[in-house]
């Protein structure tokens, strides 16, 4: 069944509580340090914190200070989780070909080379060194008119 924004239920008003954004993406990381190295070298993420001994908090930035100030969605590497058939983590990128090559150089397995999806976005898929599924998307995937086309190209 296809859903469209026009038949979706109305969002609750602020008095009823409301979702205002995505807080973080949690990625299984049986071994934290090697995966921290992969995400730093491949995607330019910096460690900005930790949760006890089981998780590292990352964000995008040229320095840890810049990454800490970045208010976009954070990534948490968690060694209590294992990479079982979870939904892919989707990263919006620029220069998808370069990102894919960098990922390969740091231990990723590319499962789908970059291709043009029906909505015009470039999409690639890979497994990080632990086996977590990652989808890379370039160009406009966060625009409302494209949200329902992801994964169909």
N, C-alpha and C. Protein backbone atom coordinates (compact mmCIF):
# COMPACT_ATOMS: atom_id res chain seq x y z
N UNK A 1 0.85 -1.18 0.00
CA UNK A 1 0.00 0.00 0.00
C UNK A 1 0.89 1.24 0.00
N UNK A 2 0.62 2.15 -0.90
CA UNK A 2 1.37 3.40 -0.98
C UNK A 2 0.70 4.45 -0.11
N UNK A 3 1.50 5.16 0.65
CA UNK A 3 0.99 6.25 1.46
C UNK A 3 1.47 7.55 0.87
N UNK A 4 0.64 8.55 0.91
CA UNK A 4 1.06 9.86 0.44
C UNK A 4 0.87 10.85 1.57
N UNK A 5 1.60 11.98 1.50
CA UNK A 5 1.49 12.97 2.57
C UNK A 5 0.06 13.49 2.74
N UNK A 6 -0.76 13.41 1.70
CA UNK A 6 -2.10 13.96 1.79
C UNK A 6 -3.04 13.10 2.63
N UNK A 7 -2.77 11.77 2.73
CA UNK A 7 -3.66 10.95 3.53
C UNK A 7 -3.06 10.58 4.88
N UNK A 8 -1.93 11.18 5.22
CA UNK A 8 -1.30 10.91 6.51
C UNK A 8 -2.08 11.61 7.62
N UNK A 9 -2.04 11.03 8.80
CA UNK A 9 -2.71 11.66 9.94
C UNK A 9 -2.01 12.97 10.27
N UNK A 10 -2.77 13.92 10.75
CA UNK A 10 -2.21 15.21 11.12
C UNK A 10 -1.29 15.04 12.33
N UNK A 11 -0.19 15.77 12.31
CA UNK A 11 0.74 15.72 13.44
C UNK A 11 0.09 16.35 14.67
N UNK A 12 0.40 15.82 15.85
CA UNK A 12 -0.16 16.42 17.06
C UNK A 12 0.36 17.84 17.24
N UNK A 13 -0.45 18.67 17.88
CA UNK A 13 0.04 20.03 18.12
C UNK A 13 1.02 20.01 19.29
N UNK A 14 1.73 21.11 19.48
CA UNK A 14 2.79 21.18 20.47
C UNK A 14 2.28 20.88 21.88
N UNK A 15 1.04 21.19 22.15
CA UNK A 15 0.48 20.92 23.48
C UNK A 15 0.38 19.43 23.78
N UNK A 16 0.32 18.60 22.73
CA UNK A 16 0.24 17.14 22.88
C UNK A 16 1.61 16.49 22.82
N UNK A 17 2.65 17.28 22.67
CA UNK A 17 3.98 16.74 22.45
C UNK A 17 4.18 16.55 20.96
N UNK A 18 5.40 16.75 20.50
CA UNK A 18 5.65 16.65 19.07
C UNK A 18 7.08 16.22 18.81
N UNK A 19 7.28 15.54 17.72
CA UNK A 19 8.63 15.20 17.28
C UNK A 19 9.18 16.41 16.55
N UNK A 20 10.42 16.79 16.90
CA UNK A 20 11.02 17.95 16.26
C UNK A 20 12.27 17.59 15.47
N UNK A 21 12.65 16.33 15.43
CA UNK A 21 13.81 15.93 14.65
C UNK A 21 14.31 14.57 15.07
N UNK A 22 15.34 14.10 14.41
CA UNK A 22 15.97 12.82 14.73
C UNK A 22 17.15 13.10 15.64
N UNK A 23 17.24 12.39 16.74
CA UNK A 23 18.29 12.65 17.71
C UNK A 23 19.63 12.03 17.35
N UNK A 24 19.61 10.76 16.93
CA UNK A 24 20.86 10.09 16.58
C UNK A 24 20.56 8.83 15.79
N UNK A 25 21.61 8.29 15.19
CA UNK A 25 21.56 7.00 14.51
C UNK A 25 22.50 6.10 15.30
N UNK A 26 22.03 4.94 15.75
CA UNK A 26 22.86 4.02 16.52
C UNK A 26 23.31 2.89 15.60
N UNK A 27 24.64 2.68 15.52
CA UNK A 27 25.22 1.69 14.63
C UNK A 27 25.90 0.60 15.45
N UNK A 28 25.60 -0.68 15.17
CA UNK A 28 26.28 -1.77 15.87
C UNK A 28 27.80 -1.71 15.64
N UNK A 29 28.56 -1.85 16.71
CA UNK A 29 30.02 -1.77 16.63
C UNK A 29 30.65 -2.72 17.64
N UNK A 30 30.69 -4.02 17.33
CA UNK A 30 31.27 -4.97 18.28
C UNK A 30 32.66 -4.56 18.76
N UNK A 31 33.45 -3.94 17.89
CA UNK A 31 34.75 -3.38 18.28
C UNK A 31 34.71 -1.89 17.96
N UNK A 32 34.74 -1.06 19.00
CA UNK A 32 34.56 0.37 18.82
C UNK A 32 35.71 1.05 18.07
N UNK A 33 36.93 0.81 18.47
CA UNK A 33 38.06 1.57 17.91
C UNK A 33 38.23 1.38 16.40
N UNK A 34 38.20 0.14 15.87
CA UNK A 34 38.34 0.03 14.41
C UNK A 34 37.22 0.72 13.64
N UNK A 35 36.00 0.67 14.18
CA UNK A 35 34.89 1.32 13.48
C UNK A 35 34.98 2.84 13.62
N UNK A 36 35.44 3.33 14.77
CA UNK A 36 35.69 4.77 14.92
C UNK A 36 36.68 5.23 13.86
N UNK A 37 37.74 4.47 13.66
CA UNK A 37 38.75 4.80 12.65
C UNK A 37 38.13 4.84 11.26
N UNK A 38 37.29 3.84 10.93
CA UNK A 38 36.63 3.80 9.62
C UNK A 38 35.75 5.04 9.41
N UNK A 39 34.88 5.37 10.36
CA UNK A 39 33.96 6.50 10.19
C UNK A 39 34.70 7.84 10.18
N UNK A 40 35.80 7.94 10.91
CA UNK A 40 36.59 9.16 10.89
C UNK A 40 37.26 9.34 9.53
N UNK A 41 37.91 8.28 9.04
CA UNK A 41 38.66 8.39 7.79
C UNK A 41 37.77 8.41 6.56
N UNK A 42 36.62 7.75 6.61
CA UNK A 42 35.74 7.70 5.44
C UNK A 42 34.80 8.89 5.37
N UNK A 43 34.19 9.26 6.50
CA UNK A 43 33.16 10.29 6.48
C UNK A 43 33.54 11.58 7.22
N UNK A 44 34.74 11.66 7.76
CA UNK A 44 35.18 12.87 8.45
C UNK A 44 34.49 13.10 9.77
N UNK A 45 34.06 12.01 10.42
CA UNK A 45 33.38 12.14 11.72
C UNK A 45 34.42 12.23 12.83
N UNK A 46 34.08 12.98 13.85
CA UNK A 46 34.92 13.15 15.03
C UNK A 46 34.20 12.58 16.24
N UNK A 47 34.94 12.00 17.16
CA UNK A 47 34.33 11.57 18.42
C UNK A 47 34.06 12.81 19.26
N UNK A 48 32.82 12.94 19.72
CA UNK A 48 32.46 14.10 20.54
C UNK A 48 32.00 13.70 21.94
N UNK A 49 31.97 12.40 22.21
CA UNK A 49 31.56 11.95 23.53
C UNK A 49 31.51 10.44 23.59
N UNK A 50 31.08 9.93 24.73
CA UNK A 50 30.93 8.48 24.90
C UNK A 50 29.81 8.22 25.90
N UNK A 51 29.35 6.98 25.89
CA UNK A 51 28.34 6.54 26.85
C UNK A 51 28.97 5.37 27.60
N UNK A 52 29.38 5.63 28.82
CA UNK A 52 30.07 4.63 29.63
C UNK A 52 31.14 3.95 28.77
N UNK A 53 31.24 2.63 28.86
CA UNK A 53 32.25 1.92 28.06
C UNK A 53 31.67 1.31 26.79
N UNK A 54 30.38 1.47 26.55
CA UNK A 54 29.78 0.73 25.45
C UNK A 54 29.50 1.52 24.18
N UNK A 55 29.68 2.82 24.17
CA UNK A 55 29.31 3.57 22.97
C UNK A 55 30.15 4.83 22.81
N UNK A 56 30.41 5.18 21.54
CA UNK A 56 31.08 6.42 21.18
C UNK A 56 30.11 7.28 20.40
N UNK A 57 30.12 8.58 20.67
CA UNK A 57 29.24 9.52 19.98
C UNK A 57 30.08 10.29 18.97
N UNK A 58 29.61 10.31 17.72
CA UNK A 58 30.34 10.96 16.63
C UNK A 58 29.45 12.00 15.95
N UNK A 59 30.11 12.95 15.30
CA UNK A 59 29.40 13.87 14.42
C UNK A 59 30.38 14.38 13.39
N UNK A 60 29.86 15.02 12.35
CA UNK A 60 30.68 15.52 11.26
C UNK A 60 31.26 16.87 11.63
N UNK A 61 32.55 17.03 11.34
CA UNK A 61 33.24 18.30 11.57
C UNK A 61 34.72 18.14 11.32
N UNK A 62 35.38 19.23 10.98
CA UNK A 62 36.84 19.16 10.73
C UNK A 62 37.62 18.99 12.02
N UNK A 63 37.05 19.44 13.14
CA UNK A 63 37.69 19.30 14.45
C UNK A 63 36.65 18.77 15.43
N UNK A 64 37.09 18.23 16.57
CA UNK A 64 36.10 17.80 17.57
C UNK A 64 35.19 18.95 18.03
N UNK A 65 35.72 20.15 18.10
CA UNK A 65 34.91 21.30 18.51
C UNK A 65 33.83 21.61 17.49
N UNK A 66 34.21 21.57 16.21
CA UNK A 66 33.24 21.82 15.14
C UNK A 66 32.18 20.72 15.12
N UNK A 67 32.61 19.48 15.32
CA UNK A 67 31.66 18.36 15.34
C UNK A 67 30.70 18.47 16.53
N UNK A 68 31.20 18.91 17.67
CA UNK A 68 30.36 19.08 18.86
C UNK A 68 29.32 20.17 18.63
N UNK A 69 29.72 21.24 17.95
CA UNK A 69 28.80 22.36 17.68
C UNK A 69 27.79 22.03 16.59
N UNK A 70 28.06 21.02 15.77
CA UNK A 70 27.17 20.63 14.68
C UNK A 70 25.87 20.10 15.27
N UNK A 71 24.77 20.70 14.92
CA UNK A 71 23.46 20.32 15.49
C UNK A 71 22.74 19.27 14.66
N UNK A 72 23.36 18.77 13.58
CA UNK A 72 22.73 17.73 12.78
C UNK A 72 22.75 16.41 13.54
N UNK A 73 22.15 15.41 12.97
CA UNK A 73 22.02 14.10 13.60
C UNK A 73 23.39 13.52 13.95
N UNK A 74 23.49 13.02 15.16
CA UNK A 74 24.73 12.38 15.60
C UNK A 74 24.68 10.89 15.33
N UNK A 75 25.86 10.27 15.30
CA UNK A 75 26.00 8.84 15.11
C UNK A 75 26.58 8.25 16.38
N UNK A 76 25.99 7.15 16.84
CA UNK A 76 26.49 6.47 18.04
C UNK A 76 26.93 5.07 17.63
N UNK A 77 28.20 4.75 17.87
CA UNK A 77 28.72 3.40 17.67
C UNK A 77 28.53 2.67 18.99
N UNK A 78 27.80 1.56 18.98
CA UNK A 78 27.43 0.87 20.22
C UNK A 78 27.88 -0.58 20.18
N UNK A 79 28.74 -0.98 21.14
CA UNK A 79 29.25 -2.34 21.13
C UNK A 79 28.31 -3.36 21.76
N UNK A 80 27.13 -2.93 22.18
CA UNK A 80 26.15 -3.88 22.71
C UNK A 80 25.27 -4.44 21.58
N UNK A 81 25.35 -3.86 20.40
CA UNK A 81 24.53 -4.27 19.27
C UNK A 81 25.36 -5.07 18.27
N UNK A 82 24.70 -5.92 17.51
CA UNK A 82 25.38 -6.65 16.45
C UNK A 82 24.69 -6.34 15.12
N UNK A 83 25.46 -6.36 14.03
CA UNK A 83 24.88 -6.02 12.73
C UNK A 83 24.06 -7.17 12.15
N UNK A 84 22.84 -7.25 12.55
CA UNK A 84 21.91 -8.19 11.94
C UNK A 84 21.10 -7.42 10.93
N UNK A 85 20.28 -8.02 10.21
CA UNK A 85 19.59 -7.43 9.08
C UNK A 85 18.86 -6.13 9.42
N UNK A 86 19.58 -5.12 9.86
CA UNK A 86 18.97 -3.84 10.20
C UNK A 86 18.76 -3.00 8.94
N UNK A 87 17.94 -2.00 9.07
CA UNK A 87 17.75 -1.07 7.96
C UNK A 87 19.06 -0.35 7.71
N UNK A 88 19.33 0.02 6.47
CA UNK A 88 20.58 0.73 6.23
C UNK A 88 20.56 2.12 6.86
N UNK A 89 21.74 2.57 7.23
CA UNK A 89 21.93 3.94 7.66
C UNK A 89 22.17 4.74 6.39
N UNK A 90 21.46 5.82 6.19
CA UNK A 90 21.60 6.62 4.98
C UNK A 90 22.35 7.90 5.30
N UNK A 91 23.44 8.13 4.55
CA UNK A 91 24.21 9.36 4.69
C UNK A 91 24.04 10.18 3.42
N UNK A 92 23.78 11.47 3.58
CA UNK A 92 23.73 12.40 2.45
C UNK A 92 25.17 12.85 2.20
N UNK A 93 25.64 12.74 0.97
CA UNK A 93 27.03 13.06 0.67
C UNK A 93 27.13 13.97 -0.55
N UNK A 94 28.29 14.54 -0.74
CA UNK A 94 28.66 15.23 -1.97
C UNK A 94 29.87 14.49 -2.52
N UNK A 95 29.98 14.36 -3.82
CA UNK A 95 31.10 13.64 -4.42
C UNK A 95 31.05 12.16 -4.09
N UNK A 96 29.93 11.52 -4.40
CA UNK A 96 29.68 10.14 -3.99
C UNK A 96 30.77 9.18 -4.46
N UNK A 97 31.30 9.37 -5.66
CA UNK A 97 32.35 8.49 -6.15
C UNK A 97 33.59 8.51 -5.27
N UNK A 98 33.98 9.70 -4.84
CA UNK A 98 35.14 9.83 -3.95
C UNK A 98 34.87 9.20 -2.59
N UNK A 99 33.65 9.38 -2.08
CA UNK A 99 33.30 8.79 -0.79
C UNK A 99 33.34 7.27 -0.88
N UNK A 100 32.82 6.70 -1.96
CA UNK A 100 32.84 5.24 -2.15
C UNK A 100 34.28 4.74 -2.21
N UNK A 101 35.14 5.42 -2.96
CA UNK A 101 36.54 4.99 -3.05
C UNK A 101 37.23 5.07 -1.70
N UNK A 102 36.97 6.14 -0.95
CA UNK A 102 37.56 6.28 0.39
C UNK A 102 37.07 5.17 1.31
N UNK A 103 35.77 4.84 1.21
CA UNK A 103 35.21 3.76 2.03
C UNK A 103 35.90 2.44 1.70
N UNK A 104 36.08 2.15 0.40
CA UNK A 104 36.78 0.92 -0.01
C UNK A 104 38.19 0.89 0.58
N UNK A 105 38.88 2.02 0.50
CA UNK A 105 40.26 2.08 0.98
C UNK A 105 40.36 1.82 2.48
N UNK A 106 39.27 2.05 3.20
CA UNK A 106 39.27 1.88 4.65
C UNK A 106 38.50 0.65 5.09
N UNK A 107 38.27 -0.29 4.17
CA UNK A 107 37.73 -1.58 4.57
C UNK A 107 36.28 -1.85 4.27
N UNK A 108 35.58 -0.96 3.58
CA UNK A 108 34.18 -1.19 3.26
C UNK A 108 34.06 -2.16 2.08
N UNK A 109 32.95 -2.86 2.02
CA UNK A 109 32.61 -3.70 0.89
C UNK A 109 31.46 -3.02 0.15
N UNK A 110 31.68 -2.64 -1.08
CA UNK A 110 30.64 -1.97 -1.87
C UNK A 110 29.69 -3.02 -2.40
N UNK A 111 28.41 -2.88 -2.09
CA UNK A 111 27.40 -3.82 -2.57
C UNK A 111 26.62 -3.26 -3.76
N UNK A 112 26.71 -1.95 -3.98
CA UNK A 112 26.11 -1.33 -5.16
C UNK A 112 26.92 -0.08 -5.49
N UNK A 113 27.58 -0.11 -6.64
CA UNK A 113 28.33 1.07 -7.08
C UNK A 113 27.35 2.21 -7.32
N UNK A 114 27.82 3.47 -7.30
CA UNK A 114 26.91 4.59 -7.52
C UNK A 114 26.13 4.46 -8.83
N UNK A 115 24.83 4.70 -8.74
CA UNK A 115 23.99 4.71 -9.93
C UNK A 115 22.94 5.79 -9.76
N UNK A 116 22.34 6.17 -10.88
CA UNK A 116 21.31 7.21 -10.86
C UNK A 116 19.97 6.53 -10.62
N UNK A 117 19.31 6.91 -9.53
CA UNK A 117 17.98 6.39 -9.22
C UNK A 117 16.94 7.11 -10.07
N UNK A 118 15.73 6.59 -10.08
CA UNK A 118 14.66 7.19 -10.89
C UNK A 118 14.38 8.65 -10.53
N UNK A 119 14.63 9.00 -9.27
CA UNK A 119 14.35 10.38 -8.86
C UNK A 119 15.51 11.32 -9.17
N UNK A 120 16.57 10.80 -9.81
CA UNK A 120 17.70 11.65 -10.17
C UNK A 120 18.82 11.67 -9.14
N UNK A 121 18.61 11.08 -7.98
CA UNK A 121 19.67 11.02 -6.97
C UNK A 121 20.69 9.97 -7.36
N UNK A 122 21.94 10.19 -6.97
CA UNK A 122 22.96 9.16 -7.08
C UNK A 122 22.92 8.36 -5.79
N UNK A 123 22.93 7.03 -5.91
CA UNK A 123 22.82 6.17 -4.74
C UNK A 123 23.89 5.09 -4.84
N UNK A 124 24.53 4.79 -3.70
CA UNK A 124 25.47 3.68 -3.60
C UNK A 124 25.20 2.96 -2.28
N UNK A 125 25.59 1.69 -2.22
CA UNK A 125 25.39 0.93 -0.99
C UNK A 125 26.68 0.21 -0.64
N UNK A 126 26.95 0.12 0.67
CA UNK A 126 28.16 -0.56 1.12
C UNK A 126 27.94 -1.16 2.50
N UNK A 127 28.89 -2.02 2.86
CA UNK A 127 28.93 -2.57 4.21
C UNK A 127 30.18 -2.01 4.87
N UNK A 128 30.04 -1.46 6.08
CA UNK A 128 31.23 -1.00 6.79
C UNK A 128 32.04 -2.23 7.22
N UNK A 129 33.24 -2.05 7.79
CA UNK A 129 34.07 -3.21 8.14
C UNK A 129 33.42 -4.20 9.10
N UNK A 130 32.39 -3.79 9.83
CA UNK A 130 31.70 -4.70 10.74
C UNK A 130 30.52 -5.38 10.07
N UNK A 131 30.08 -4.90 8.91
CA UNK A 131 28.96 -5.49 8.20
C UNK A 131 27.68 -4.68 8.28
N UNK A 132 27.73 -3.47 8.84
CA UNK A 132 26.56 -2.60 8.88
C UNK A 132 26.28 -2.07 7.48
N UNK A 133 25.00 -2.07 7.10
CA UNK A 133 24.60 -1.60 5.78
C UNK A 133 24.51 -0.07 5.77
N UNK A 134 25.14 0.55 4.79
CA UNK A 134 25.14 2.00 4.65
C UNK A 134 24.70 2.34 3.23
N UNK A 135 23.80 3.30 3.11
CA UNK A 135 23.38 3.81 1.81
C UNK A 135 23.89 5.24 1.72
N UNK A 136 24.53 5.56 0.61
CA UNK A 136 25.00 6.91 0.34
C UNK A 136 24.09 7.54 -0.70
N UNK A 137 23.68 8.77 -0.45
CA UNK A 137 22.75 9.45 -1.35
C UNK A 137 23.32 10.84 -1.64
N UNK A 138 23.36 11.18 -2.93
CA UNK A 138 23.82 12.50 -3.32
C UNK A 138 22.73 13.22 -4.10
N UNK A 139 22.53 14.47 -3.80
CA UNK A 139 21.63 15.37 -4.52
C UNK A 139 20.16 15.26 -4.14
N UNK A 140 19.68 16.15 -3.33
CA UNK A 140 18.26 16.38 -3.16
C UNK A 140 17.42 15.32 -2.49
N UNK A 141 18.01 14.32 -1.88
CA UNK A 141 17.21 13.25 -1.31
C UNK A 141 16.39 13.71 -0.10
N UNK A 142 16.75 14.85 0.46
CA UNK A 142 16.01 15.33 1.62
C UNK A 142 14.89 16.29 1.23
N UNK A 143 14.61 16.44 -0.05
CA UNK A 143 13.52 17.30 -0.49
C UNK A 143 12.22 16.51 -0.41
N UNK A 144 11.16 17.14 0.04
CA UNK A 144 9.89 16.47 0.24
C UNK A 144 9.44 15.66 -0.97
N UNK A 145 9.60 16.22 -2.18
CA UNK A 145 9.09 15.52 -3.35
C UNK A 145 9.88 14.24 -3.65
N UNK A 146 11.05 14.07 -3.06
CA UNK A 146 11.87 12.88 -3.30
C UNK A 146 11.76 11.83 -2.21
N UNK A 147 11.19 12.14 -1.08
CA UNK A 147 11.21 11.23 0.05
C UNK A 147 10.57 9.89 -0.24
N UNK A 148 9.57 9.85 -1.08
CA UNK A 148 8.86 8.61 -1.32
C UNK A 148 9.45 7.80 -2.46
N UNK A 149 10.54 8.29 -3.06
CA UNK A 149 11.15 7.60 -4.18
C UNK A 149 12.42 6.86 -3.79
N UNK A 150 12.96 7.12 -2.61
CA UNK A 150 14.20 6.49 -2.19
C UNK A 150 14.04 4.97 -2.20
N UNK A 151 15.03 4.30 -2.74
CA UNK A 151 15.02 2.84 -2.75
C UNK A 151 14.25 2.21 -3.89
N UNK A 152 13.65 3.01 -4.76
CA UNK A 152 12.88 2.43 -5.87
C UNK A 152 13.62 2.58 -7.19
N UNK A 153 14.84 3.14 -7.15
CA UNK A 153 15.55 3.35 -8.39
C UNK A 153 16.62 2.34 -8.63
